[in-house]
């Protein structure tokens, strides 16, 4: 998995951590050394000041002359060699991380932008928090092309655990970000933002940009159902209602739930119930499965899958 943007690689973080620890130790040695060499003539503040200007190479001037103190001059030379070397390493490492990270993010965003521009009939997920993350998982498992739009970097970093997915760090209620996600070419949109207001705004914006797109939105407050329909949503889903129905189903019909889970959410194999659109001018229009010759195929598929379902029920 690619390193999330803004996160420092562990080996570099360890090197910088060791260097900073060493720099702090050298600082303490410098203070103790100057205090010991200066004796009663040097206060603790004098020792700290000399250590700071030595390590920072500012060179404001010595508080006490070191001309008559060869030991202090030798100590200062070693302090400069070790301290300034470590300080330069820390600064260069942090600078390299910032520059390389920004370049990597820039190239990554450009590459992702080009891939999004190639998409047609894809799906857009507005918000990949708790609900949107599972939507992305299902679309990825079933190999549906999609683009996630979210302003929360933590959500986007978690999304990368699903796989190599396309995403835009932005506001899903803004025209610019939805256009960047290819809303005009998209087949469907799922609004799973944290609030009804945000989902309603995303629905209105998406409908204005694409009159044909299918919009499914998450609803938190049941009283907002009519508002979502008027805004242009094709379907509204209440996670609390669905969750309550699922709890009841697990309670009174657990076998049916197990069967549906195996078909719809199995991890070992991807069994799915799909819709197939038959055009009016198709030879299959108006025919039964047997008349269309699909019956024998369906029976063979049923026999092939029966062993898998039976194993899942045990």
C-alpha atoms as a PDB file:
ATOM      1  CA  UNK A   1       0.000   0.000   0.000  1.00  0.00           C
ATOM      2  CA  UNK A   2       1.247   3.464  -0.822  1.00  0.00           C
ATOM      3  CA  UNK A   3       2.381   5.700   1.988  1.00  0.00           C
ATOM      4  CA  UNK A   4      -0.510   8.011   2.969  1.00  0.00           C
ATOM      5  CA  UNK A   5       0.143  11.619   2.103  1.00  0.00           C
ATOM      6  CA  UNK A   6       1.447  13.700   4.995  1.00  0.00           C
ATOM      7  CA  UNK A   7       2.692  10.667   6.937  1.00  0.00           C
ATOM      8  CA  UNK A   8       6.443  10.414   7.509  1.00  0.00           C
ATOM      9  CA  UNK A   9       8.095   7.066   6.593  1.00  0.00           C
ATOM     10  CA  UNK A  10       8.997   5.102   9.734  1.00  0.00           C
ATOM     11  CA  UNK A  11      12.728   4.753   8.913  1.00  0.00           C
ATOM     12  CA  UNK A  12      13.106   8.497   8.330  1.00  0.00           C
ATOM     13  CA  UNK A  13      11.166   9.269  11.503  1.00  0.00           C
ATOM     14  CA  UNK A  14      13.494   7.003  13.485  1.00  0.00           C
ATOM     15  CA  UNK A  15      16.609   8.646  12.040  1.00  0.00           C
ATOM     16  CA  UNK A  16      15.315  12.121  12.816  1.00  0.00           C
ATOM     17  CA  UNK A  17      14.283  10.979  16.291  1.00  0.00           C
ATOM     18  CA  UNK A  18      17.745   9.591  17.013  1.00  0.00           C
ATOM     19  CA  UNK A  19      19.385  12.755  15.665  1.00  0.00           C
ATOM     20  CA  UNK A  20      17.168  15.004  17.802  1.00  0.00           C
ATOM     21  CA  UNK A  21      17.902  12.879  20.863  1.00  0.00           C
ATOM     22  CA  UNK A  22      21.624  13.094  20.127  1.00  0.00           C
ATOM     23  CA  UNK A  23      21.367  16.846  19.634  1.00  0.00           C
ATOM     24  CA  UNK A  24      19.638  17.217  22.996  1.00  0.00           C
ATOM     25  CA  UNK A  25      22.317  15.114  24.683  1.00  0.00           C
ATOM     26  CA  UNK A  26      25.060  17.236  23.087  1.00  0.00           C
ATOM     27  CA  UNK A  27      23.242  20.351  24.309  1.00  0.00           C
ATOM     28  CA  UNK A  28      23.283  19.006  27.870  1.00  0.00           C
ATOM     29  CA  UNK A  29      26.950  18.053  27.517  1.00  0.00           C
ATOM     30  CA  UNK A  30      27.708  21.552  26.230  1.00  0.00           C
ATOM     31  CA  UNK A  31      25.984  23.240  29.167  1.00  0.00           C
ATOM     32  CA  UNK A  32      27.674  20.946  31.675  1.00  0.00           C
ATOM     33  CA  UNK A  33      31.062  21.332  29.962  1.00  0.00           C
ATOM     34  CA  UNK A  34      31.026  25.125  29.903  1.00  0.00           C
ATOM     35  CA  UNK A  35      29.829  25.264  33.494  1.00  0.00           C
ATOM     36  CA  UNK A  36      32.574  22.889  34.566  1.00  0.00           C
ATOM     37  CA  UNK A  37      35.284  24.719  32.601  1.00  0.00           C
ATOM     38  CA  UNK A  38      34.117  28.185  33.688  1.00  0.00           C
ATOM     39  CA  UNK A  39      33.716  27.261  37.316  1.00  0.00           C
ATOM     40  CA  UNK A  40      32.316  29.980  39.554  1.00  0.00           C
ATOM     41  CA  UNK A  41      32.929  32.658  36.909  1.00  0.00           C
ATOM     42  CA  UNK A  42      30.278  31.120  34.623  1.00  0.00           C
ATOM     43  CA  UNK A  43      26.629  31.037  35.647  1.00  0.00           C
ATOM     44  CA  UNK A  44      24.226  28.391  34.361  1.00  0.00           C
ATOM     45  CA  UNK A  45      22.695  30.968  32.010  1.00  0.00           C
ATOM     46  CA  UNK A  46      26.159  31.774  30.641  1.00  0.00           C
ATOM     47  CA  UNK A  47      26.753  28.082  29.915  1.00  0.00           C
ATOM     48  CA  UNK A  48      23.374  27.720  28.198  1.00  0.00           C
ATOM     49  CA  UNK A  49      23.977  30.869  26.131  1.00  0.00           C
ATOM     50  CA  UNK A  50      27.412  29.710  24.971  1.00  0.00           C
ATOM     51  CA  UNK A  51      26.036  26.298  24.033  1.00  0.00           C
ATOM     52  CA  UNK A  52      23.177  27.789  22.018  1.00  0.00           C
ATOM     53  CA  UNK A  53      25.287  30.259  20.033  1.00  0.00           C
ATOM     54  CA  UNK A  54      27.891  27.539  19.405  1.00  0.00           C
ATOM     55  CA  UNK A  55      25.412  24.956  18.097  1.00  0.00           C
ATOM     56  CA  UNK A  56      23.466  27.515  16.078  1.00  0.00           C
ATOM     57  CA  UNK A  57      26.689  29.047  14.667  1.00  0.00           C
ATOM     58  CA  UNK A  58      25.256  32.526  15.280  1.00  0.00           C
ATOM     59  CA  UNK A  59      28.501  33.793  16.758  1.00  0.00           C
ATOM     60  CA  UNK A  60      27.267  36.824  18.713  1.00  0.00           C
ATOM     61  CA  UNK A  61      30.456  36.771  20.759  1.00  0.00           C
ATOM     62  CA  UNK A  62      31.831  35.121  23.847  1.00  0.00           C
ATOM     63  CA  UNK A  63      30.571  36.151  27.261  1.00  0.00           C
ATOM     64  CA  UNK A  64      33.918  35.188  28.762  1.00  0.00           C
ATOM     65  CA  UNK A  65      37.049  35.153  26.630  1.00  0.00           C
ATOM     66  CA  UNK A  66      38.366  31.709  25.781  1.00  0.00           C
ATOM     67  CA  UNK A  67      41.833  32.923  24.781  1.00  0.00           C
ATOM     68  CA  UNK A  68      43.341  32.033  28.132  1.00  0.00           C
ATOM     69  CA  UNK A  69      41.380  28.775  28.399  1.00  0.00           C
ATOM     70  CA  UNK A  70      42.698  26.189  25.890  1.00  0.00           C
ATOM     71  CA  UNK A  71      40.422  23.500  27.324  1.00  0.00           C
ATOM     72  CA  UNK A  72      37.352  25.626  26.606  1.00  0.00           C
ATOM     73  CA  UNK A  73      38.480  26.266  23.026  1.00  0.00           C
ATOM     74  CA  UNK A  74      39.091  22.558  22.361  1.00  0.00           C
ATOM     75  CA  UNK A  75      35.734  21.709  23.934  1.00  0.00           C
ATOM     76  CA  UNK A  76      34.048  24.323  21.708  1.00  0.00           C
ATOM     77  CA  UNK A  77      35.602  22.841  18.549  1.00  0.00           C
ATOM     78  CA  UNK A  78      34.295  19.351  19.325  1.00  0.00           C
ATOM     79  CA  UNK A  79      30.911  20.772  20.268  1.00  0.00           C
ATOM     80  CA  UNK A  80      30.685  22.536  16.891  1.00  0.00           C
ATOM     81  CA  UNK A  81      31.734  19.447  14.926  1.00  0.00           C
ATOM     82  CA  UNK A  82      29.248  17.080  16.538  1.00  0.00           C
ATOM     83  CA  UNK A  83      26.424  19.499  17.285  1.00  0.00           C
ATOM     84  CA  UNK A  84      26.315  21.365  13.996  1.00  0.00           C
ATOM     85  CA  UNK A  85      26.658  18.099  12.084  1.00  0.00           C
ATOM     86  CA  UNK A  86      23.632  16.609  13.829  1.00  0.00           C
ATOM     87  CA  UNK A  87      21.644  19.827  13.442  1.00  0.00           C
ATOM     88  CA  UNK A  88      22.414  19.924   9.704  1.00  0.00           C
ATOM     89  CA  UNK A  89      21.300  16.297   9.374  1.00  0.00           C
ATOM     90  CA  UNK A  90      17.970  17.000  11.081  1.00  0.00           C
ATOM     91  CA  UNK A  91      17.279  20.098   8.963  1.00  0.00           C
ATOM     92  CA  UNK A  92      18.243  18.388   5.687  1.00  0.00           C
ATOM     93  CA  UNK A  93      16.158  15.285   6.486  1.00  0.00           C
ATOM     94  CA  UNK A  94      13.048  17.301   7.303  1.00  0.00           C
ATOM     95  CA  UNK A  95      13.544  19.485   4.219  1.00  0.00           C
ATOM     96  CA  UNK A  96      13.970  16.431   1.984  1.00  0.00           C
ATOM     97  CA  UNK A  97      10.828  14.874   3.411  1.00  0.00           C
ATOM     98  CA  UNK A  98       8.786  18.015   2.801  1.00  0.00           C
ATOM     99  CA  UNK A  99      10.078  18.570  -0.731  1.00  0.00           C
ATOM    100  CA  UNK A 100       9.887  14.913  -1.797  1.00  0.00           C
ATOM    101  CA  UNK A 101       6.492  14.510  -0.157  1.00  0.00           C
ATOM    102  CA  UNK A 102       5.067  17.527  -1.916  1.00  0.00           C
ATOM    103  CA  UNK A 103       6.453  16.385  -5.270  1.00  0.00           C
ATOM    104  CA  UNK A 104       5.130  12.871  -4.720  1.00  0.00           C
ATOM    105  CA  UNK A 105       1.704  14.226  -3.811  1.00  0.00           C
ATOM    106  CA  UNK A 106       1.731  16.528  -6.830  1.00  0.00           C
ATOM    107  CA  UNK A 107       2.602  13.748  -9.267  1.00  0.00           C
ATOM    108  CA  UNK A 108       0.114  11.423  -7.564  1.00  0.00           C
ATOM    109  CA  UNK A 109      -2.696  13.956  -7.881  1.00  0.00           C
ATOM    110  CA  UNK A 110      -1.890  14.561 -11.544  1.00  0.00           C
ATOM    111  CA  UNK A 111      -1.878  10.827 -12.285  1.00  0.00           C
ATOM    112  CA  UNK A 112      -5.151  10.325 -10.438  1.00  0.00           C
ATOM    113  CA  UNK A 113      -6.704  13.275 -12.275  1.00  0.00           C
ATOM    114  CA  UNK A 114      -5.817  11.711 -15.626  1.00  0.00           C
ATOM    115  CA  UNK A 115      -7.314   8.370 -14.592  1.00  0.00           C
ATOM    116  CA  UNK A 116     -10.536  10.028 -13.428  1.00  0.00           C
ATOM    117  CA  UNK A 117     -10.846  11.891 -16.725  1.00  0.00           C
ATOM    118  CA  UNK A 118     -10.853   8.528 -18.535  1.00  0.00           C
ATOM    119  CA  UNK A 119     -13.788   7.148 -16.521  1.00  0.00           C
ATOM    120  CA  UNK A 120     -17.236   6.687 -18.050  1.00  0.00           C
ATOM    121  CA  UNK A 121     -20.398   5.330 -16.377  1.00  0.00           C
ATOM    122  CA  UNK A 122     -18.655   5.245 -13.018  1.00  0.00           C
ATOM    123  CA  UNK A 123     -19.949   5.898  -9.502  1.00  0.00           C
ATOM    124  CA  UNK A 124     -19.192   8.732  -7.098  1.00  0.00           C
ATOM    125  CA  UNK A 125     -19.170   8.338  -3.315  1.00  0.00           C
ATOM    126  CA  UNK A 126     -19.684  11.594  -1.434  1.00  0.00           C
ATOM    127  CA  UNK A 127     -18.114  11.004   1.960  1.00  0.00           C
ATOM    128  CA  UNK A 128     -16.205   7.846   2.903  1.00  0.00           C
ATOM    129  CA  UNK A 129     -16.738   7.837   6.649  1.00  0.00           C
ATOM    130  CA  UNK A 130     -18.331   4.901   8.463  1.00  0.00           C
ATOM    131  CA  UNK A 131     -21.062   4.298   5.872  1.00  0.00           C
ATOM    132  CA  UNK A 132     -19.251   5.431   2.748  1.00  0.00           C
ATOM    133  CA  UNK A 133     -16.261   3.229   3.540  1.00  0.00           C
ATOM    134  CA  UNK A 134     -18.410   0.103   3.259  1.00  0.00           C
ATOM    135  CA  UNK A 135     -19.940   1.405   0.033  1.00  0.00           C
ATOM    136  CA  UNK A 136     -16.424   1.754  -1.374  1.00  0.00           C
ATOM    137  CA  UNK A 137     -15.524  -1.753  -0.196  1.00  0.00           C
ATOM    138  CA  UNK A 138     -18.493  -3.281  -2.014  1.00  0.00           C
ATOM    139  CA  UNK A 139     -17.869  -1.357  -5.222  1.00  0.00           C
ATOM    140  CA  UNK A 140     -14.214  -2.371  -5.138  1.00  0.00           C
ATOM    141  CA  UNK A 141     -15.055  -6.046  -4.525  1.00  0.00           C
ATOM    142  CA  UNK A 142     -17.490  -6.093  -7.417  1.00  0.00           C
ATOM    143  CA  UNK A 143     -15.011  -4.204  -9.643  1.00  0.00           C
ATOM    144  CA  UNK A 144     -17.180  -1.170 -10.242  1.00  0.00           C
ATOM    145  CA  UNK A 145     -15.274   1.974 -11.205  1.00  0.00           C
ATOM    146  CA  UNK A 146     -15.786   4.737  -8.654  1.00  0.00           C
ATOM    147  CA  UNK A 147     -14.355   7.969  -7.308  1.00  0.00           C
ATOM    148  CA  UNK A 148     -14.528   8.952  -3.637  1.00  0.00           C
ATOM    149  CA  UNK A 149     -14.846  12.599  -2.609  1.00  0.00           C
ATOM    150  CA  UNK A 150     -14.108  13.577   0.989  1.00  0.00           C
ATOM    151  CA  UNK A 151     -12.505  16.517   2.775  1.00  0.00           C
ATOM    152  CA  UNK A 152     -11.330  14.401   5.719  1.00  0.00           C
ATOM    153  CA  UNK A 153      -7.758  13.192   5.171  1.00  0.00           C
ATOM    154  CA  UNK A 154      -8.137  10.450   7.795  1.00  0.00           C
ATOM    155  CA  UNK A 155     -11.089   9.001   5.893  1.00  0.00           C
ATOM    156  CA  UNK A 156      -9.067   9.022   2.675  1.00  0.00           C
ATOM    157  CA  UNK A 157      -6.080   7.371   4.341  1.00  0.00           C
ATOM    158  CA  UNK A 158      -8.345   4.623   5.690  1.00  0.00           C
ATOM    159  CA  UNK A 159      -9.874   4.244   2.231  1.00  0.00           C
ATOM    160  CA  UNK A 160      -6.461   3.242   0.884  1.00  0.00           C
ATOM    161  CA  UNK A 161      -6.691   0.024   2.911  1.00  0.00           C
ATOM    162  CA  UNK A 162      -9.434  -1.111   0.518  1.00  0.00           C
ATOM    163  CA  UNK A 163      -7.063  -1.036  -2.447  1.00  0.00           C
ATOM    164  CA  UNK A 164      -5.847   1.268  -5.221  1.00  0.00           C
ATOM    165  CA  UNK A 165      -8.901   3.514  -5.398  1.00  0.00           C
ATOM    166  CA  UNK A 166      -9.401   6.912  -6.998  1.00  0.00           C
ATOM    167  CA  UNK A 167     -10.276   9.786  -4.695  1.00  0.00           C
ATOM    168  CA  UNK A 168     -10.470  13.558  -4.514  1.00  0.00           C
ATOM    169  CA  UNK A 169      -9.748  15.479  -1.333  1.00  0.00           C
ATOM    170  CA  UNK A 170     -12.462  18.092  -1.510  1.00  0.00           C
ATOM    171  CA  UNK A 171     -15.990  19.167  -0.639  1.00  0.00           C
ATOM    172  CA  UNK A 172     -18.629  16.895  -2.179  1.00  0.00           C
ATOM    173  CA  UNK A 173     -21.195  19.705  -2.105  1.00  0.00           C
ATOM    174  CA  UNK A 174     -19.156  21.961  -4.414  1.00  0.00           C
ATOM    175  CA  UNK A 175     -19.628  22.008  -8.164  1.00  0.00           C
ATOM    176  CA  UNK A 176     -15.889  22.148  -8.820  1.00  0.00           C
ATOM    177  CA  UNK A 177     -15.079  18.977  -6.876  1.00  0.00           C
ATOM    178  CA  UNK A 178     -17.981  16.987  -8.330  1.00  0.00           C
ATOM    179  CA  UNK A 179     -17.000  18.080 -11.830  1.00  0.00           C
ATOM    180  CA  UNK A 180     -13.462  16.966 -11.104  1.00  0.00           C
ATOM    181  CA  UNK A 181     -14.890  13.580 -10.071  1.00  0.00           C
ATOM    182  CA  UNK A 182     -16.576  13.314 -13.476  1.00  0.00           C
ATOM    183  CA  UNK A 183     -20.169  13.917 -12.364  1.00  0.00           C
ATOM    184  CA  UNK A 184     -21.238  14.682 -15.952  1.00  0.00           C
ATOM    185  CA  UNK A 185     -20.092  11.216 -17.094  1.00  0.00           C
ATOM    186  CA  UNK A 186     -21.053   9.288 -13.955  1.00  0.00           C
ATOM    187  CA  UNK A 187     -23.697   6.588 -13.781  1.00  0.00           C
ATOM    188  CA  UNK A 188     -24.585   6.921 -10.121  1.00  0.00           C
ATOM    189  CA  UNK A 189     -23.840   8.840  -6.942  1.00  0.00           C
ATOM    190  CA  UNK A 190     -24.063   7.842  -3.287  1.00  0.00           C
ATOM    191  CA  UNK A 191     -24.277  10.624  -0.697  1.00  0.00           C
ATOM    192  CA  UNK A 192     -23.061   9.364   2.693  1.00  0.00           C
ATOM    193  CA  UNK A 193     -21.994  12.608   4.331  1.00  0.00           C
ATOM    194  CA  UNK A 194     -22.344  13.030   8.124  1.00  0.00           C
ATOM    195  CA  UNK A 195     -25.474  15.251   8.122  1.00  0.00           C
ATOM    196  CA  UNK A 196     -28.774  15.423   6.272  1.00  0.00           C
ATOM    197  CA  UNK A 197     -28.019  19.021   5.321  1.00  0.00           C
ATOM    198  CA  UNK A 198     -24.761  18.046   3.621  1.00  0.00           C
ATOM    199  CA  UNK A 199     -26.361  15.089   1.834  1.00  0.00           C
ATOM    200  CA  UNK A 200     -29.258  17.279   0.710  1.00  0.00           C
ATOM    201  CA  UNK A 201     -26.869  19.891  -0.658  1.00  0.00           C
ATOM    202  CA  UNK A 202     -24.813  17.209  -2.433  1.00  0.00           C
ATOM    203  CA  UNK A 203     -27.999  15.775  -3.956  1.00  0.00           C
ATOM    204  CA  UNK A 204     -29.133  19.160  -5.274  1.00  0.00           C
ATOM    205  CA  UNK A 205     -25.694  19.913  -6.701  1.00  0.00           C
ATOM    206  CA  UNK A 206     -25.361  16.515  -8.370  1.00  0.00           C
ATOM    207  CA  UNK A 207     -28.847  16.696  -9.899  1.00  0.00           C
ATOM    208  CA  UNK A 208     -28.127  20.132 -11.358  1.00  0.00           C
ATOM    209  CA  UNK A 209     -24.895  18.905 -12.929  1.00  0.00           C
ATOM    210  CA  UNK A 210     -26.301  15.637 -14.286  1.00  0.00           C
ATOM    211  CA  UNK A 211     -30.050  15.204 -14.837  1.00  0.00           C
ATOM    212  CA  UNK A 212     -29.773  11.500 -15.716  1.00  0.00           C
ATOM    213  CA  UNK A 213     -27.555  10.273 -12.889  1.00  0.00           C
ATOM    214  CA  UNK A 214     -29.032   7.902 -10.280  1.00  0.00           C
ATOM    215  CA  UNK A 215     -28.650   9.388  -6.806  1.00  0.00           C
ATOM    216  CA  UNK A 216     -28.855   7.353  -3.598  1.00  0.00           C
ATOM    217  CA  UNK A 217     -28.559   9.274  -0.353  1.00  0.00           C
ATOM    218  CA  UNK A 218     -28.222   8.443   3.316  1.00  0.00           C
ATOM    219  CA  UNK A 219     -30.921   9.864   5.576  1.00  0.00           C
ATOM    220  CA  UNK A 220     -30.524  10.360   9.316  1.00  0.00           C
ATOM    221  CA  UNK A 221     -33.800  12.115  10.206  1.00  0.00           C
ATOM    222  CA  UNK A 222     -36.885  10.364   8.783  1.00  0.00           C
ATOM    223  CA  UNK A 223     -38.673  13.709   8.458  1.00  0.00           C
ATOM    224  CA  UNK A 224     -36.249  14.690   5.682  1.00  0.00           C
ATOM    225  CA  UNK A 225     -37.537  11.985   3.313  1.00  0.00           C
ATOM    226  CA  UNK A 226     -39.705  14.290   1.189  1.00  0.00           C
ATOM    227  CA  UNK A 227     -36.985  16.923   1.012  1.00  0.00           C
ATOM    228  CA  UNK A 228     -34.556  14.417  -0.473  1.00  0.00           C
ATOM    229  CA  UNK A 229     -37.115  13.335  -3.061  1.00  0.00           C
ATOM    230  CA  UNK A 230     -37.802  16.935  -4.058  1.00  0.00           C
ATOM    231  CA  UNK A 231     -34.053  17.569  -4.262  1.00  0.00           C
ATOM    232  CA  UNK A 232     -33.710  14.853  -6.878  1.00  0.00           C
ATOM    233  CA  UNK A 233     -32.751  11.683  -5.001  1.00  0.00           C
ATOM    234  CA  UNK A 234     -33.863   8.440  -6.642  1.00  0.00           C
ATOM    235  CA  UNK A 235     -33.718   6.467  -3.411  1.00  0.00           C
ATOM    236  CA  UNK A 236     -33.233   7.272   0.263  1.00  0.00           C
ATOM    237  CA  UNK A 237     -31.706   4.846   2.753  1.00  0.00           C
ATOM    238  CA  UNK A 238     -31.940   5.182   6.522  1.00  0.00           C
ATOM    239  CA  UNK A 239     -29.076   3.256   8.189  1.00  0.00           C
ATOM    240  CA  UNK A 240     -30.927   3.190  11.515  1.00  0.00           C
ATOM    241  CA  UNK A 241     -34.051   1.717   9.900  1.00  0.00           C
ATOM    242  CA  UNK A 242     -32.040  -0.852   7.935  1.00  0.00           C
ATOM    243  CA  UNK A 243     -30.079  -1.708  11.076  1.00  0.00           C
ATOM    244  CA  UNK A 244     -33.278  -2.253  13.064  1.00  0.00           C
ATOM    245  CA  UNK A 245     -34.735  -4.497  10.366  1.00  0.00           C
ATOM    246  CA  UNK A 246     -31.518  -6.497  10.263  1.00  0.00           C
ATOM    247  CA  UNK A 247     -31.580  -7.012  14.034  1.00  0.00           C
ATOM    248  CA  UNK A 248     -35.143  -8.318  13.857  1.00  0.00           C
ATOM    249  CA  UNK A 249     -34.275 -10.604  10.938  1.00  0.00           C
ATOM    250  CA  UNK A 250     -31.326 -12.067  12.831  1.00  0.00           C
ATOM    251  CA  UNK A 251     -33.698 -12.684  15.733  1.00  0.00           C
ATOM    252  CA  UNK A 252     -36.612 -14.384  13.966  1.00  0.00           C
ATOM    253  CA  UNK A 253     -35.217 -15.681  10.630  1.00  0.00           C
ATOM    254  CA  UNK A 254     -31.452 -16.274  11.053  1.00  0.00           C
ATOM    255  CA  UNK A 255     -31.199 -18.935   8.323  1.00  0.00           C
ATOM    256  CA  UNK A 256     -32.536 -16.612   5.648  1.00  0.00           C
ATOM    257  CA  UNK A 257     -30.139 -13.893   6.771  1.00  0.00           C
ATOM    258  CA  UNK A 258     -27.205 -16.314   6.543  1.00  0.00           C
ATOM    259  CA  UNK A 259     -28.199 -17.269   3.002  1.00  0.00           C
ATOM    260  CA  UNK A 260     -28.502 -13.649   1.890  1.00  0.00           C
ATOM    261  CA  UNK A 261     -25.215 -12.735   3.574  1.00  0.00           C
ATOM    262  CA  UNK A 262     -23.466 -15.527   1.691  1.00  0.00           C
ATOM    263  CA  UNK A 263     -24.882 -14.277  -1.592  1.00  0.00           C
ATOM    264  CA  UNK A 264     -24.465 -10.568  -1.036  1.00  0.00           C
ATOM    265  CA  UNK A 265     -21.488 -10.184   1.265  1.00  0.00           C
ATOM    266  CA  UNK A 266     -19.432 -13.367   1.091  1.00  0.00           C
ATOM    267  CA  UNK A 267     -15.679 -12.842   1.364  1.00  0.00           C
ATOM    268  CA  UNK A 268     -14.509 -16.220   0.060  1.00  0.00           C
ATOM    269  CA  UNK A 269     -16.377 -15.814  -3.230  1.00  0.00           C
ATOM    270  CA  UNK A 270     -18.348 -12.920  -4.626  1.00  0.00           C
ATOM    271  CA  UNK A 271     -21.959 -14.048  -5.166  1.00  0.00           C
ATOM    272  CA  UNK A 272     -24.226 -11.199  -6.098  1.00  0.00           C
ATOM    273  CA  UNK A 273     -27.815 -10.690  -7.233  1.00  0.00           C
ATOM    274  CA  UNK A 274     -27.614  -8.474 -10.298  1.00  0.00           C
ATOM    275  CA  UNK A 275     -30.034  -6.609 -12.542  1.00  0.00           C
ATOM    276  CA  UNK A 276     -29.787  -7.082 -16.297  1.00  0.00           C
ATOM    277  CA  UNK A 277     -31.532  -4.556 -18.521  1.00  0.00           C
ATOM    278  CA  UNK A 278     -33.142  -6.115 -21.619  1.00  0.00           C
ATOM    279  CA  UNK A 279     -33.948  -3.612 -24.406  1.00  0.00           C
ATOM    280  CA  UNK A 280     -37.455  -3.653 -25.841  1.00  0.00           C
ATOM    281  CA  UNK A 281     -36.167  -4.691 -29.269  1.00  0.00           C
ATOM    282  CA  UNK A 282     -34.193  -7.631 -27.846  1.00  0.00           C
ATOM    283  CA  UNK A 283     -35.110 -11.220 -28.785  1.00  0.00           C
ATOM    284  CA  UNK A 284     -35.275 -12.001 -25.064  1.00  0.00           C
ATOM    285  CA  UNK A 285     -37.914  -9.348 -24.326  1.00  0.00           C
ATOM    286  CA  UNK A 286     -41.161 -10.902 -23.081  1.00  0.00           C
ATOM    287  CA  UNK A 287     -39.751 -14.442 -22.880  1.00  0.00           C
ATOM    288  CA  UNK A 288     -39.480 -16.700 -19.863  1.00  0.00           C
ATOM    289  CA  UNK A 289     -36.133 -18.132 -18.790  1.00  0.00           C
ATOM    290  CA  UNK A 290     -37.042 -21.446 -20.405  1.00  0.00           C
ATOM    291  CA  UNK A 291     -38.122 -19.818 -23.681  1.00  0.00           C
ATOM    292  CA  UNK A 292     -34.927 -17.775 -23.786  1.00  0.00           C
ATOM    293  CA  UNK A 293     -32.820 -20.864 -23.200  1.00  0.00           C
ATOM    294  CA  UNK A 294     -31.445 -19.490 -19.955  1.00  0.00           C
ATOM    295  CA  UNK A 295     -33.161 -22.087 -17.772  1.00  0.00           C
ATOM    296  CA  UNK A 296     -30.583 -24.875 -18.291  1.00  0.00           C
ATOM    297  CA  UNK A 297     -27.754 -22.408 -17.658  1.00  0.00           C
ATOM    298  CA  UNK A 298     -29.402 -21.232 -14.443  1.00  0.00           C
ATOM    299  CA  UNK A 299     -29.785 -24.851 -13.275  1.00  0.00           C
ATOM    300  CA  UNK A 300     -26.117 -25.579 -13.979  1.00  0.00           C
ATOM    301  CA  UNK A 301     -25.085 -22.478 -12.059  1.00  0.00           C
ATOM    302  CA  UNK A 302     -27.352 -23.522  -9.213  1.00  0.00           C
ATOM    303  CA  UNK A 303     -25.707 -26.955  -9.007  1.00  0.00           C
ATOM    304  CA  UNK A 304     -22.246 -25.408  -9.193  1.00  0.00           C
ATOM    305  CA  UNK A 305     -22.973 -23.007  -6.337  1.00  0.00           C
ATOM    306  CA  UNK A 306     -25.014 -25.361  -4.153  1.00  0.00           C
ATOM    307  CA  UNK A 307     -21.956 -26.901  -2.533  1.00  0.00           C
ATOM    308  CA  UNK A 308     -20.595 -23.446  -1.691  1.00  0.00           C
ATOM    309  CA  UNK A 309     -23.876 -22.348  -0.104  1.00  0.00           C
ATOM    310  CA  UNK A 310     -24.152 -25.601   1.840  1.00  0.00           C
ATOM    311  CA  UNK A 311     -20.657 -25.138   3.228  1.00  0.00           C
ATOM    312  CA  UNK A 312     -21.487 -21.594   4.305  1.00  0.00           C
ATOM    313  CA  UNK A 313     -24.621 -22.753   6.132  1.00  0.00           C
ATOM    314  CA  UNK A 314     -22.791 -25.304   8.262  1.00  0.00           C
END
